[in-house]
């Protein structure tokens, strides 16, 4: 399956990796900001936590909070949490050593998106693989390294 580069349209749950890529890539930033303005960008708690950890001090934390304010929150409820555990068991059962060892944020983002029926926007090979495994739309925010 060829990597799908996001065209900037449609509701997406934006992973931390896509936010970070948009900081460094002007074209990705423009696409993301346009989608934010149209109300098509969603967030979930694990991504918010990571963005706040990455923030540089109180001003950076306040900027993260202002950015996410008003955007749609995708819930990470008990059903999503149980789906994360079930997916880890399923992946481990494939027989490949370590097949279940995905970053917990990536697993949670993918399964929250699946539960809500929206695509994931990322810049992360883990989410690409999870998208294929779970049958969800997973789009790269841009090409390159």
N, C-alpha and C. Protein backbone atom coordinates (compact mmCIF):
# COMPACT_ATOMS: atom_id res chain seq x y z
N UNK A 1 0.84 -1.18 0.00
CA UNK A 1 0.00 0.00 0.00
C UNK A 1 0.89 1.24 0.00
N UNK A 2 0.63 2.15 -0.90
CA UNK A 2 1.43 3.37 -1.00
C UNK A 2 1.03 4.34 0.09
N UNK A 3 1.99 5.09 0.57
CA UNK A 3 1.73 6.09 1.59
C UNK A 3 0.79 7.15 1.02
N UNK A 4 -0.19 7.52 1.82
CA UNK A 4 -1.14 8.55 1.40
C UNK A 4 -0.75 9.87 2.06
N UNK A 5 -0.51 10.85 1.22
CA UNK A 5 -0.21 12.20 1.71
C UNK A 5 -1.55 12.93 1.82
N UNK A 6 -1.76 13.59 2.93
CA UNK A 6 -3.00 14.29 3.22
C UNK A 6 -3.22 15.44 2.24
N UNK A 7 -4.45 15.57 1.77
CA UNK A 7 -4.79 16.68 0.85
C UNK A 7 -5.33 17.89 1.59
N UNK A 8 -5.39 17.81 2.92
CA UNK A 8 -5.83 18.95 3.72
C UNK A 8 -7.32 19.04 3.92
N UNK A 9 -8.07 18.01 3.51
CA UNK A 9 -9.52 18.06 3.57
C UNK A 9 -10.06 16.92 4.42
N UNK A 10 -11.08 17.22 5.18
CA UNK A 10 -11.77 16.20 5.95
C UNK A 10 -11.36 16.18 7.40
N UNK A 11 -12.25 15.69 8.27
CA UNK A 11 -11.92 15.65 9.69
C UNK A 11 -10.79 14.64 9.96
N UNK A 12 -9.84 15.07 10.78
CA UNK A 12 -8.71 14.20 11.13
C UNK A 12 -8.38 14.37 12.61
N UNK A 13 -7.98 13.27 13.21
CA UNK A 13 -7.41 13.29 14.55
C UNK A 13 -5.91 13.46 14.34
N UNK A 14 -5.38 14.58 14.78
CA UNK A 14 -3.99 14.93 14.50
C UNK A 14 -3.08 14.39 15.59
N UNK A 15 -2.17 13.52 15.20
CA UNK A 15 -1.18 12.95 16.10
C UNK A 15 -0.09 13.99 16.40
N UNK A 16 0.58 13.79 17.51
CA UNK A 16 1.68 14.67 17.91
C UNK A 16 2.71 14.82 16.78
N UNK A 17 3.00 13.73 16.10
CA UNK A 17 4.02 13.76 15.04
C UNK A 17 3.65 14.73 13.93
N UNK A 18 2.36 14.85 13.62
CA UNK A 18 1.92 15.79 12.58
C UNK A 18 2.05 17.23 13.05
N UNK A 19 1.72 17.48 14.32
CA UNK A 19 1.90 18.83 14.87
C UNK A 19 3.37 19.23 14.80
N UNK A 20 4.26 18.31 15.18
CA UNK A 20 5.69 18.60 15.18
C UNK A 20 6.20 18.83 13.75
N UNK A 21 5.75 18.03 12.82
CA UNK A 21 6.16 18.19 11.43
C UNK A 21 5.70 19.55 10.89
N UNK A 22 4.48 19.96 11.26
CA UNK A 22 3.95 21.24 10.78
C UNK A 22 4.77 22.42 11.30
N UNK A 23 5.44 22.24 12.42
CA UNK A 23 6.32 23.31 12.92
C UNK A 23 7.50 23.55 11.98
N UNK A 24 7.97 22.48 11.33
CA UNK A 24 9.19 22.56 10.51
C UNK A 24 8.93 22.66 9.01
N UNK A 25 7.72 22.33 8.59
CA UNK A 25 7.41 22.27 7.16
C UNK A 25 6.32 23.30 6.85
N UNK A 26 6.68 24.40 6.17
CA UNK A 26 5.69 25.46 5.90
C UNK A 26 4.45 24.99 5.14
N UNK A 27 4.62 24.10 4.18
CA UNK A 27 3.46 23.62 3.41
C UNK A 27 2.52 22.80 4.31
N UNK A 28 3.10 21.95 5.16
CA UNK A 28 2.29 21.16 6.09
C UNK A 28 1.58 22.07 7.08
N UNK A 29 2.30 23.09 7.56
CA UNK A 29 1.71 24.05 8.50
C UNK A 29 0.51 24.75 7.87
N UNK A 30 0.66 25.18 6.63
CA UNK A 30 -0.44 25.87 5.94
C UNK A 30 -1.67 24.97 5.80
N UNK A 31 -1.46 23.72 5.40
CA UNK A 31 -2.58 22.77 5.29
C UNK A 31 -3.27 22.57 6.63
N UNK A 32 -2.46 22.39 7.67
CA UNK A 32 -3.01 22.13 9.00
C UNK A 32 -3.77 23.35 9.52
N UNK A 33 -3.20 24.52 9.38
CA UNK A 33 -3.88 25.73 9.87
C UNK A 33 -5.18 25.99 9.12
N UNK A 34 -5.20 25.71 7.82
CA UNK A 34 -6.45 25.86 7.05
C UNK A 34 -7.52 24.90 7.57
N UNK A 35 -7.12 23.67 7.87
CA UNK A 35 -8.07 22.69 8.41
C UNK A 35 -8.55 23.08 9.80
N UNK A 36 -7.65 23.67 10.61
CA UNK A 36 -8.04 24.17 11.92
C UNK A 36 -9.12 25.23 11.76
N UNK A 37 -8.90 26.15 10.84
CA UNK A 37 -9.86 27.24 10.62
C UNK A 37 -11.22 26.73 10.15
N UNK A 38 -11.21 25.63 9.41
CA UNK A 38 -12.48 25.04 8.93
C UNK A 38 -13.13 24.14 9.98
N UNK A 39 -12.46 23.92 11.10
CA UNK A 39 -13.02 23.08 12.16
C UNK A 39 -12.88 21.59 11.90
N UNK A 40 -11.90 21.19 11.09
CA UNK A 40 -11.74 19.78 10.74
C UNK A 40 -10.66 19.06 11.53
N UNK A 41 -10.02 19.74 12.47
CA UNK A 41 -8.94 19.14 13.25
C UNK A 41 -9.46 18.75 14.63
N UNK A 42 -9.16 17.52 15.01
CA UNK A 42 -9.57 16.98 16.30
C UNK A 42 -8.34 16.60 17.11
N UNK A 43 -8.52 16.50 18.43
CA UNK A 43 -7.43 16.13 19.32
C UNK A 43 -7.95 15.10 20.33
N UNK A 44 -7.02 14.41 20.98
CA UNK A 44 -7.36 13.54 22.10
C UNK A 44 -6.30 13.74 23.19
N UNK A 45 -6.62 13.29 24.40
CA UNK A 45 -5.78 13.59 25.55
C UNK A 45 -4.33 13.15 25.44
N UNK A 46 -4.01 11.97 24.94
CA UNK A 46 -2.58 11.62 24.86
C UNK A 46 -1.77 12.59 24.01
N UNK A 47 -2.35 13.08 22.93
CA UNK A 47 -1.66 14.06 22.08
C UNK A 47 -1.50 15.38 22.84
N UNK A 48 -2.54 15.79 23.51
CA UNK A 48 -2.45 17.03 24.29
C UNK A 48 -1.35 16.94 25.34
N UNK A 49 -1.27 15.81 26.02
CA UNK A 49 -0.21 15.62 27.02
C UNK A 49 1.17 15.76 26.38
N UNK A 50 1.37 15.09 25.24
CA UNK A 50 2.69 15.15 24.59
C UNK A 50 3.03 16.57 24.13
N UNK A 51 2.05 17.28 23.60
CA UNK A 51 2.30 18.65 23.16
C UNK A 51 2.66 19.55 24.35
N UNK A 52 2.01 19.30 25.48
CA UNK A 52 2.32 20.11 26.66
C UNK A 52 3.70 19.77 27.23
N UNK A 53 4.08 18.50 27.20
CA UNK A 53 5.41 18.11 27.66
C UNK A 53 6.48 18.76 26.79
N UNK A 54 6.21 18.86 25.49
CA UNK A 54 7.16 19.45 24.56
C UNK A 54 7.22 20.97 24.66
N UNK A 55 6.19 21.58 25.24
CA UNK A 55 6.13 23.05 25.32
C UNK A 55 7.27 23.59 26.17
N UNK A 56 7.71 24.78 25.82
CA UNK A 56 8.81 25.43 26.54
C UNK A 56 8.24 26.43 27.55
N UNK A 57 7.94 25.94 28.73
CA UNK A 57 7.50 26.80 29.81
C UNK A 57 6.03 27.15 29.77
N UNK A 58 5.62 28.03 30.70
CA UNK A 58 4.21 28.40 30.83
C UNK A 58 3.61 29.02 29.56
N UNK A 59 4.40 29.83 28.85
CA UNK A 59 3.87 30.45 27.62
C UNK A 59 3.60 29.39 26.56
N UNK A 60 4.48 28.42 26.45
CA UNK A 60 4.29 27.34 25.48
C UNK A 60 3.08 26.48 25.82
N UNK A 61 2.90 26.21 27.11
CA UNK A 61 1.72 25.44 27.54
C UNK A 61 0.45 26.21 27.23
N UNK A 62 0.46 27.51 27.52
CA UNK A 62 -0.71 28.34 27.22
C UNK A 62 -1.00 28.35 25.72
N UNK A 63 0.05 28.37 24.90
CA UNK A 63 -0.13 28.35 23.45
C UNK A 63 -0.78 27.04 22.99
N UNK A 64 -0.35 25.92 23.57
CA UNK A 64 -0.97 24.62 23.24
C UNK A 64 -2.45 24.67 23.60
N UNK A 65 -2.74 25.15 24.79
CA UNK A 65 -4.14 25.19 25.22
C UNK A 65 -4.98 26.10 24.34
N UNK A 66 -4.44 27.26 23.94
CA UNK A 66 -5.17 28.16 23.03
C UNK A 66 -5.40 27.49 21.67
N UNK A 67 -4.38 26.79 21.19
CA UNK A 67 -4.49 26.14 19.89
C UNK A 67 -5.60 25.09 19.89
N UNK A 68 -5.69 24.30 20.95
CA UNK A 68 -6.66 23.20 20.99
C UNK A 68 -8.06 23.65 21.43
N UNK A 69 -8.13 24.82 22.03
CA UNK A 69 -9.42 25.34 22.50
C UNK A 69 -10.38 25.47 21.32
N UNK A 70 -11.55 24.95 21.49
CA UNK A 70 -12.56 25.06 20.46
C UNK A 70 -12.52 23.94 19.43
N UNK A 71 -11.45 23.14 19.43
CA UNK A 71 -11.39 22.00 18.51
C UNK A 71 -12.16 20.83 19.12
N UNK A 72 -12.58 19.94 18.28
CA UNK A 72 -13.31 18.76 18.73
C UNK A 72 -12.38 17.80 19.46
N UNK A 73 -12.80 17.41 20.65
CA UNK A 73 -12.07 16.40 21.42
C UNK A 73 -12.62 15.03 21.07
N UNK A 74 -11.71 14.12 20.73
CA UNK A 74 -12.08 12.72 20.50
C UNK A 74 -11.89 11.99 21.83
N UNK A 75 -12.94 11.38 22.35
CA UNK A 75 -12.84 10.78 23.68
C UNK A 75 -11.94 9.55 23.71
N UNK A 76 -11.23 9.44 24.80
CA UNK A 76 -10.46 8.23 25.10
C UNK A 76 -11.14 7.63 26.32
N UNK A 77 -12.23 6.94 26.03
CA UNK A 77 -13.05 6.38 27.10
C UNK A 77 -12.63 4.93 27.40
N UNK A 78 -13.39 4.29 28.25
CA UNK A 78 -13.07 2.91 28.66
C UNK A 78 -13.05 1.97 27.45
N UNK A 79 -13.95 2.18 26.51
CA UNK A 79 -13.99 1.31 25.32
C UNK A 79 -12.70 1.43 24.51
N UNK A 80 -12.20 2.65 24.34
CA UNK A 80 -10.94 2.85 23.62
C UNK A 80 -9.79 2.22 24.39
N UNK A 81 -9.77 2.42 25.70
CA UNK A 81 -8.71 1.84 26.52
C UNK A 81 -8.70 0.32 26.42
N UNK A 82 -9.88 -0.28 26.44
CA UNK A 82 -9.96 -1.75 26.31
C UNK A 82 -9.54 -2.19 24.90
N UNK A 83 -9.86 -1.38 23.90
CA UNK A 83 -9.46 -1.71 22.53
C UNK A 83 -7.94 -1.66 22.38
N UNK A 84 -7.28 -0.74 23.09
CA UNK A 84 -5.82 -0.69 23.07
C UNK A 84 -5.26 -2.01 23.59
N UNK A 85 -5.77 -2.47 24.73
CA UNK A 85 -5.29 -3.74 25.29
C UNK A 85 -5.60 -4.92 24.38
N UNK A 86 -6.79 -4.95 23.80
CA UNK A 86 -7.16 -6.04 22.89
C UNK A 86 -6.26 -6.05 21.66
N UNK A 87 -5.95 -4.88 21.13
CA UNK A 87 -5.07 -4.80 19.96
C UNK A 87 -3.66 -5.26 20.30
N UNK A 88 -3.18 -4.90 21.49
CA UNK A 88 -1.86 -5.38 21.91
C UNK A 88 -1.83 -6.91 21.99
N UNK A 89 -2.89 -7.50 22.55
CA UNK A 89 -2.96 -8.97 22.63
C UNK A 89 -3.01 -9.58 21.23
N UNK A 90 -3.81 -8.97 20.36
CA UNK A 90 -3.95 -9.45 18.98
C UNK A 90 -2.61 -9.40 18.24
N UNK A 91 -1.92 -8.29 18.37
CA UNK A 91 -0.61 -8.14 17.70
C UNK A 91 0.41 -9.11 18.27
N UNK A 92 0.40 -9.30 19.58
CA UNK A 92 1.34 -10.23 20.22
C UNK A 92 1.09 -11.66 19.76
N UNK A 93 -0.16 -11.99 19.48
CA UNK A 93 -0.51 -13.35 19.06
C UNK A 93 -0.06 -13.68 17.65
N UNK A 94 0.44 -12.70 16.90
CA UNK A 94 0.89 -12.97 15.54
C UNK A 94 2.15 -13.83 15.53
N UNK A 95 2.81 -13.94 16.68
CA UNK A 95 4.01 -14.77 16.77
C UNK A 95 5.29 -14.02 16.53
N UNK A 96 5.20 -12.81 16.02
CA UNK A 96 6.38 -12.01 15.78
C UNK A 96 6.80 -11.34 17.08
N UNK A 97 8.04 -11.57 17.51
CA UNK A 97 8.50 -11.02 18.77
C UNK A 97 8.40 -9.50 18.77
N UNK A 98 7.72 -8.97 19.77
CA UNK A 98 7.60 -7.53 19.91
C UNK A 98 6.57 -6.87 19.02
N UNK A 99 5.75 -7.66 18.32
CA UNK A 99 4.76 -7.09 17.39
C UNK A 99 3.77 -6.17 18.08
N UNK A 100 3.59 -6.33 19.36
CA UNK A 100 2.62 -5.53 20.11
C UNK A 100 3.24 -4.25 20.69
N UNK A 101 4.53 -4.05 20.49
CA UNK A 101 5.24 -2.94 21.12
C UNK A 101 5.18 -1.67 20.28
N UNK A 102 4.04 -1.04 20.33
CA UNK A 102 3.85 0.27 19.71
C UNK A 102 3.81 1.30 20.83
N UNK A 103 4.21 2.53 20.56
CA UNK A 103 4.03 3.56 21.58
C UNK A 103 2.55 3.65 21.98
N UNK A 104 2.31 3.77 23.28
CA UNK A 104 0.93 3.78 23.76
C UNK A 104 0.12 4.94 23.19
N UNK A 105 0.76 6.09 23.00
CA UNK A 105 0.04 7.21 22.40
C UNK A 105 -0.42 6.84 20.99
N UNK A 106 0.43 6.21 20.21
CA UNK A 106 0.07 5.83 18.84
C UNK A 106 -1.11 4.84 18.84
N UNK A 107 -1.03 3.84 19.71
CA UNK A 107 -2.14 2.88 19.81
C UNK A 107 -3.43 3.59 20.19
N UNK A 108 -3.35 4.47 21.17
CA UNK A 108 -4.55 5.16 21.64
C UNK A 108 -5.12 6.08 20.58
N UNK A 109 -4.27 6.83 19.91
CA UNK A 109 -4.74 7.72 18.84
C UNK A 109 -5.43 6.91 17.74
N UNK A 110 -4.80 5.83 17.31
CA UNK A 110 -5.37 5.02 16.23
C UNK A 110 -6.73 4.43 16.63
N UNK A 111 -6.82 3.94 17.85
CA UNK A 111 -8.07 3.31 18.26
C UNK A 111 -9.15 4.33 18.60
N UNK A 112 -8.78 5.51 19.06
CA UNK A 112 -9.77 6.57 19.27
C UNK A 112 -10.33 7.02 17.92
N UNK A 113 -9.46 7.14 16.93
CA UNK A 113 -9.92 7.50 15.59
C UNK A 113 -10.84 6.43 15.02
N UNK A 114 -10.45 5.17 15.20
CA UNK A 114 -11.27 4.07 14.70
C UNK A 114 -12.66 4.10 15.36
N UNK A 115 -12.70 4.30 16.67
CA UNK A 115 -13.97 4.31 17.39
C UNK A 115 -14.87 5.45 16.93
N UNK A 116 -14.27 6.55 16.51
CA UNK A 116 -15.02 7.73 16.09
C UNK A 116 -15.31 7.72 14.59
N UNK A 117 -14.59 6.90 13.85
CA UNK A 117 -14.80 6.82 12.40
C UNK A 117 -14.14 7.93 11.62
N UNK A 118 -13.03 8.48 12.15
CA UNK A 118 -12.30 9.50 11.40
C UNK A 118 -10.88 9.02 11.12
N UNK A 119 -10.21 9.73 10.25
CA UNK A 119 -8.84 9.39 9.88
C UNK A 119 -7.83 9.99 10.84
N UNK A 120 -6.62 9.45 10.78
CA UNK A 120 -5.50 9.96 11.58
C UNK A 120 -4.55 10.70 10.66
N UNK A 121 -4.08 11.84 11.12
CA UNK A 121 -3.05 12.59 10.42
C UNK A 121 -1.76 12.45 11.22
N UNK A 122 -0.68 12.04 10.55
CA UNK A 122 0.54 11.70 11.29
C UNK A 122 1.79 12.00 10.46
N UNK A 123 2.92 11.80 11.10
CA UNK A 123 4.23 11.77 10.43
C UNK A 123 5.04 10.72 11.18
N UNK A 124 4.54 9.47 11.15
CA UNK A 124 5.03 8.43 12.03
C UNK A 124 4.75 7.05 11.42
N UNK A 125 5.78 6.30 11.21
CA UNK A 125 5.64 4.96 10.61
C UNK A 125 4.77 4.04 11.47
N UNK A 126 4.81 4.21 12.80
CA UNK A 126 3.95 3.38 13.66
C UNK A 126 2.48 3.56 13.31
N UNK A 127 2.06 4.81 13.11
CA UNK A 127 0.66 5.05 12.80
C UNK A 127 0.30 4.57 11.40
N UNK A 128 1.25 4.60 10.51
CA UNK A 128 1.01 4.05 9.17
C UNK A 128 0.72 2.55 9.29
N UNK A 129 1.55 1.85 10.05
CA UNK A 129 1.36 0.40 10.24
C UNK A 129 0.07 0.09 11.00
N UNK A 130 -0.23 0.88 12.03
CA UNK A 130 -1.48 0.66 12.76
C UNK A 130 -2.70 0.93 11.87
N UNK A 131 -2.62 1.96 11.04
CA UNK A 131 -3.72 2.25 10.12
C UNK A 131 -4.00 1.07 9.21
N UNK A 132 -2.95 0.48 8.68
CA UNK A 132 -3.11 -0.70 7.82
C UNK A 132 -3.71 -1.86 8.60
N UNK A 133 -3.19 -2.10 9.79
CA UNK A 133 -3.67 -3.22 10.61
C UNK A 133 -5.13 -3.04 11.02
N UNK A 134 -5.51 -1.83 11.39
CA UNK A 134 -6.86 -1.57 11.90
C UNK A 134 -7.86 -1.21 10.81
N UNK A 135 -7.37 -0.96 9.60
CA UNK A 135 -8.26 -0.59 8.52
C UNK A 135 -8.81 0.82 8.64
N UNK A 136 -8.01 1.72 9.21
CA UNK A 136 -8.43 3.11 9.32
C UNK A 136 -7.61 3.97 8.37
N UNK A 137 -8.16 5.11 8.03
CA UNK A 137 -7.43 6.05 7.19
C UNK A 137 -6.29 6.66 7.98
N UNK A 138 -5.09 6.53 7.47
CA UNK A 138 -3.89 7.12 8.10
C UNK A 138 -3.16 7.88 7.01
N UNK A 139 -3.04 9.18 7.20
CA UNK A 139 -2.45 10.05 6.18
C UNK A 139 -1.21 10.73 6.71
N UNK A 140 -0.18 10.75 5.89
CA UNK A 140 1.04 11.52 6.21
C UNK A 140 0.72 12.99 6.01
N UNK A 141 1.21 13.84 6.89
CA UNK A 141 1.00 15.27 6.74
C UNK A 141 1.87 15.83 5.60
N UNK A 142 2.99 15.19 5.34
CA UNK A 142 3.86 15.59 4.24
C UNK A 142 4.82 14.47 3.92
N UNK A 143 5.55 14.64 2.85
CA UNK A 143 6.61 13.69 2.48
C UNK A 143 7.90 14.11 3.14
N UNK A 144 8.87 13.25 3.04
CA UNK A 144 10.22 13.63 3.49
C UNK A 144 10.58 13.08 4.84
N UNK A 145 11.76 13.48 5.27
CA UNK A 145 12.26 12.97 6.54
C UNK A 145 12.36 14.05 7.55
